[in-house]
């Protein structure tokens, strides 16, 4: 089952502002789907995984 998030929820999970989420949607680095009825963006939770990068441990 797909979990859908609002831009605010996606921002909270990523630790960024909603404005950053909108910018990533606009530049194509974050996939989003727009509801025809309201114009609101919805983001699949699994698409956020592409936005999270592992941090390497420095010696």
N, C-alpha and C. Protein backbone atom coordinates (compact mmCIF):
# COMPACT_ATOMS: atom_id res chain seq x y z
N UNK A 1 0.84 -1.19 0.00
CA UNK A 1 0.00 0.00 0.00
C UNK A 1 0.88 1.25 0.00
N UNK A 2 0.56 2.19 -0.82
CA UNK A 2 1.33 3.42 -0.94
C UNK A 2 0.94 4.41 0.14
N UNK A 3 1.95 4.99 0.77
CA UNK A 3 1.72 6.05 1.75
C UNK A 3 1.97 7.38 1.06
N UNK A 4 0.96 8.24 1.09
CA UNK A 4 1.05 9.56 0.46
C UNK A 4 1.26 10.63 1.53
N UNK A 5 2.12 11.58 1.23
CA UNK A 5 2.44 12.66 2.17
C UNK A 5 2.12 14.01 1.54
N UNK A 6 1.80 14.97 2.39
CA UNK A 6 1.67 16.35 1.93
C UNK A 6 3.08 16.94 1.86
N UNK A 7 3.19 18.12 1.29
CA UNK A 7 4.50 18.77 1.23
C UNK A 7 5.02 19.08 2.63
N UNK A 8 4.14 19.42 3.54
CA UNK A 8 4.55 19.71 4.92
C UNK A 8 5.07 18.45 5.59
N UNK A 9 4.39 17.34 5.41
CA UNK A 9 4.83 16.07 6.00
C UNK A 9 6.17 15.64 5.41
N UNK A 10 6.33 15.81 4.09
CA UNK A 10 7.59 15.45 3.44
C UNK A 10 8.72 16.32 3.98
N UNK A 11 8.46 17.61 4.16
CA UNK A 11 9.47 18.52 4.69
C UNK A 11 9.90 18.09 6.09
N UNK A 12 8.94 17.72 6.91
CA UNK A 12 9.25 17.28 8.28
C UNK A 12 10.12 16.03 8.26
N UNK A 13 9.81 15.09 7.40
CA UNK A 13 10.59 13.85 7.33
C UNK A 13 12.01 14.10 6.83
N UNK A 14 12.15 15.07 5.91
CA UNK A 14 13.47 15.37 5.36
C UNK A 14 14.26 16.35 6.22
N UNK A 15 13.57 17.02 7.14
CA UNK A 15 14.25 18.01 7.97
C UNK A 15 14.55 19.29 7.22
N UNK A 16 13.68 19.63 6.28
CA UNK A 16 13.84 20.86 5.49
C UNK A 16 12.54 21.65 5.55
N UNK A 17 12.53 22.83 4.98
CA UNK A 17 11.32 23.64 4.95
C UNK A 17 10.40 23.19 3.82
N UNK A 18 9.11 23.48 3.93
CA UNK A 18 8.20 23.19 2.81
C UNK A 18 8.64 23.90 1.52
N UNK A 19 9.23 25.08 1.65
CA UNK A 19 9.72 25.81 0.47
C UNK A 19 10.78 25.00 -0.27
N UNK A 20 11.65 24.32 0.49
CA UNK A 20 12.67 23.47 -0.13
C UNK A 20 12.02 22.30 -0.86
N UNK A 21 10.97 21.73 -0.28
CA UNK A 21 10.25 20.63 -0.94
C UNK A 21 9.66 21.13 -2.27
N UNK A 22 9.02 22.30 -2.25
CA UNK A 22 8.48 22.86 -3.50
C UNK A 22 9.58 23.10 -4.53
N UNK A 23 10.74 23.57 -4.08
CA UNK A 23 11.85 23.81 -5.00
C UNK A 23 12.33 22.51 -5.62
N UNK A 24 12.42 21.46 -4.82
CA UNK A 24 12.84 20.15 -5.35
C UNK A 24 11.81 19.58 -6.31
N UNK A 25 10.54 19.82 -6.06
CA UNK A 25 9.50 19.40 -7.00
C UNK A 25 9.66 20.16 -8.31
N UNK A 26 9.87 21.46 -8.22
CA UNK A 26 10.00 22.31 -9.41
C UNK A 26 11.21 21.95 -10.25
N UNK A 27 12.34 21.63 -9.59
CA UNK A 27 13.54 21.31 -10.37
C UNK A 27 13.63 19.83 -10.75
N UNK A 28 12.62 19.05 -10.35
CA UNK A 28 12.55 17.66 -10.79
C UNK A 28 13.33 16.67 -9.94
N UNK A 29 13.89 17.12 -8.82
CA UNK A 29 14.65 16.18 -7.99
C UNK A 29 13.77 15.42 -7.00
N UNK A 30 12.51 15.81 -6.88
CA UNK A 30 11.55 15.10 -6.03
C UNK A 30 10.26 14.89 -6.82
N UNK A 31 9.88 13.63 -6.98
CA UNK A 31 8.65 13.32 -7.71
C UNK A 31 7.44 13.68 -6.85
N UNK A 32 6.45 14.28 -7.48
CA UNK A 32 5.21 14.63 -6.78
C UNK A 32 4.06 14.52 -7.76
N UNK A 33 2.89 14.38 -7.22
CA UNK A 33 1.67 14.25 -8.02
C UNK A 33 0.70 15.31 -7.55
N UNK A 34 0.07 15.99 -8.48
CA UNK A 34 -0.84 17.08 -8.14
C UNK A 34 -2.28 16.60 -8.27
N UNK A 35 -3.07 16.85 -7.23
CA UNK A 35 -4.48 16.50 -7.25
C UNK A 35 -5.23 17.49 -8.13
N UNK A 36 -5.97 16.99 -9.08
CA UNK A 36 -6.69 17.86 -10.00
C UNK A 36 -7.75 18.69 -9.29
N UNK A 37 -8.37 18.12 -8.29
CA UNK A 37 -9.47 18.80 -7.61
C UNK A 37 -9.01 19.98 -6.76
N UNK A 38 -7.85 19.85 -6.12
CA UNK A 38 -7.41 20.91 -5.21
C UNK A 38 -6.11 21.59 -5.62
N UNK A 39 -5.35 20.95 -6.50
CA UNK A 39 -4.05 21.48 -6.90
C UNK A 39 -2.96 21.17 -5.89
N UNK A 40 -3.31 20.46 -4.82
CA UNK A 40 -2.35 20.12 -3.77
C UNK A 40 -1.41 19.01 -4.25
N UNK A 41 -0.13 19.14 -3.90
CA UNK A 41 0.84 18.11 -4.22
C UNK A 41 0.76 16.97 -3.21
N UNK A 42 0.99 15.76 -3.71
CA UNK A 42 1.12 14.58 -2.86
C UNK A 42 2.41 13.89 -3.27
N UNK A 43 3.12 13.38 -2.28
CA UNK A 43 4.42 12.76 -2.50
C UNK A 43 4.39 11.36 -1.90
N UNK A 44 4.87 10.39 -2.67
CA UNK A 44 4.94 9.02 -2.14
C UNK A 44 6.08 8.93 -1.14
N UNK A 45 5.83 8.31 -0.01
CA UNK A 45 6.84 8.19 1.04
C UNK A 45 8.10 7.51 0.51
N UNK A 46 7.96 6.52 -0.34
CA UNK A 46 9.14 5.82 -0.86
C UNK A 46 10.00 6.71 -1.76
N UNK A 47 9.41 7.75 -2.36
CA UNK A 47 10.20 8.68 -3.18
C UNK A 47 11.13 9.54 -2.33
N UNK A 48 10.83 9.67 -1.06
CA UNK A 48 11.72 10.45 -0.17
C UNK A 48 13.04 9.72 0.06
N UNK A 49 13.05 8.40 -0.07
CA UNK A 49 14.28 7.63 0.14
C UNK A 49 15.38 8.09 -0.80
N UNK A 50 15.03 8.58 -1.98
CA UNK A 50 16.02 9.06 -2.94
C UNK A 50 16.63 10.39 -2.51
N UNK A 51 15.99 11.05 -1.57
CA UNK A 51 16.48 12.34 -1.09
C UNK A 51 17.42 12.20 0.10
N UNK A 52 17.49 11.00 0.66
CA UNK A 52 18.30 10.77 1.85
C UNK A 52 19.57 10.02 1.44
N UNK A 53 20.71 10.60 1.79
CA UNK A 53 21.99 10.00 1.45
C UNK A 53 22.71 9.56 2.71
N UNK A 54 23.40 8.42 2.65
CA UNK A 54 24.16 7.99 3.82
C UNK A 54 25.36 8.91 4.04
N UNK A 55 25.71 9.06 5.28
CA UNK A 55 26.88 9.86 5.64
C UNK A 55 28.01 8.91 5.98
N UNK A 56 29.17 9.12 5.33
CA UNK A 56 30.30 8.24 5.62
C UNK A 56 30.99 8.70 6.89
N UNK A 57 31.50 7.74 7.60
CA UNK A 57 32.18 8.03 8.86
C UNK A 57 33.62 8.43 8.55
N UNK A 58 34.00 9.61 9.04
CA UNK A 58 35.37 10.07 8.81
C UNK A 58 36.28 9.50 9.89
N UNK A 59 37.51 9.20 9.50
CA UNK A 59 38.49 8.66 10.47
C UNK A 59 39.11 9.76 11.28
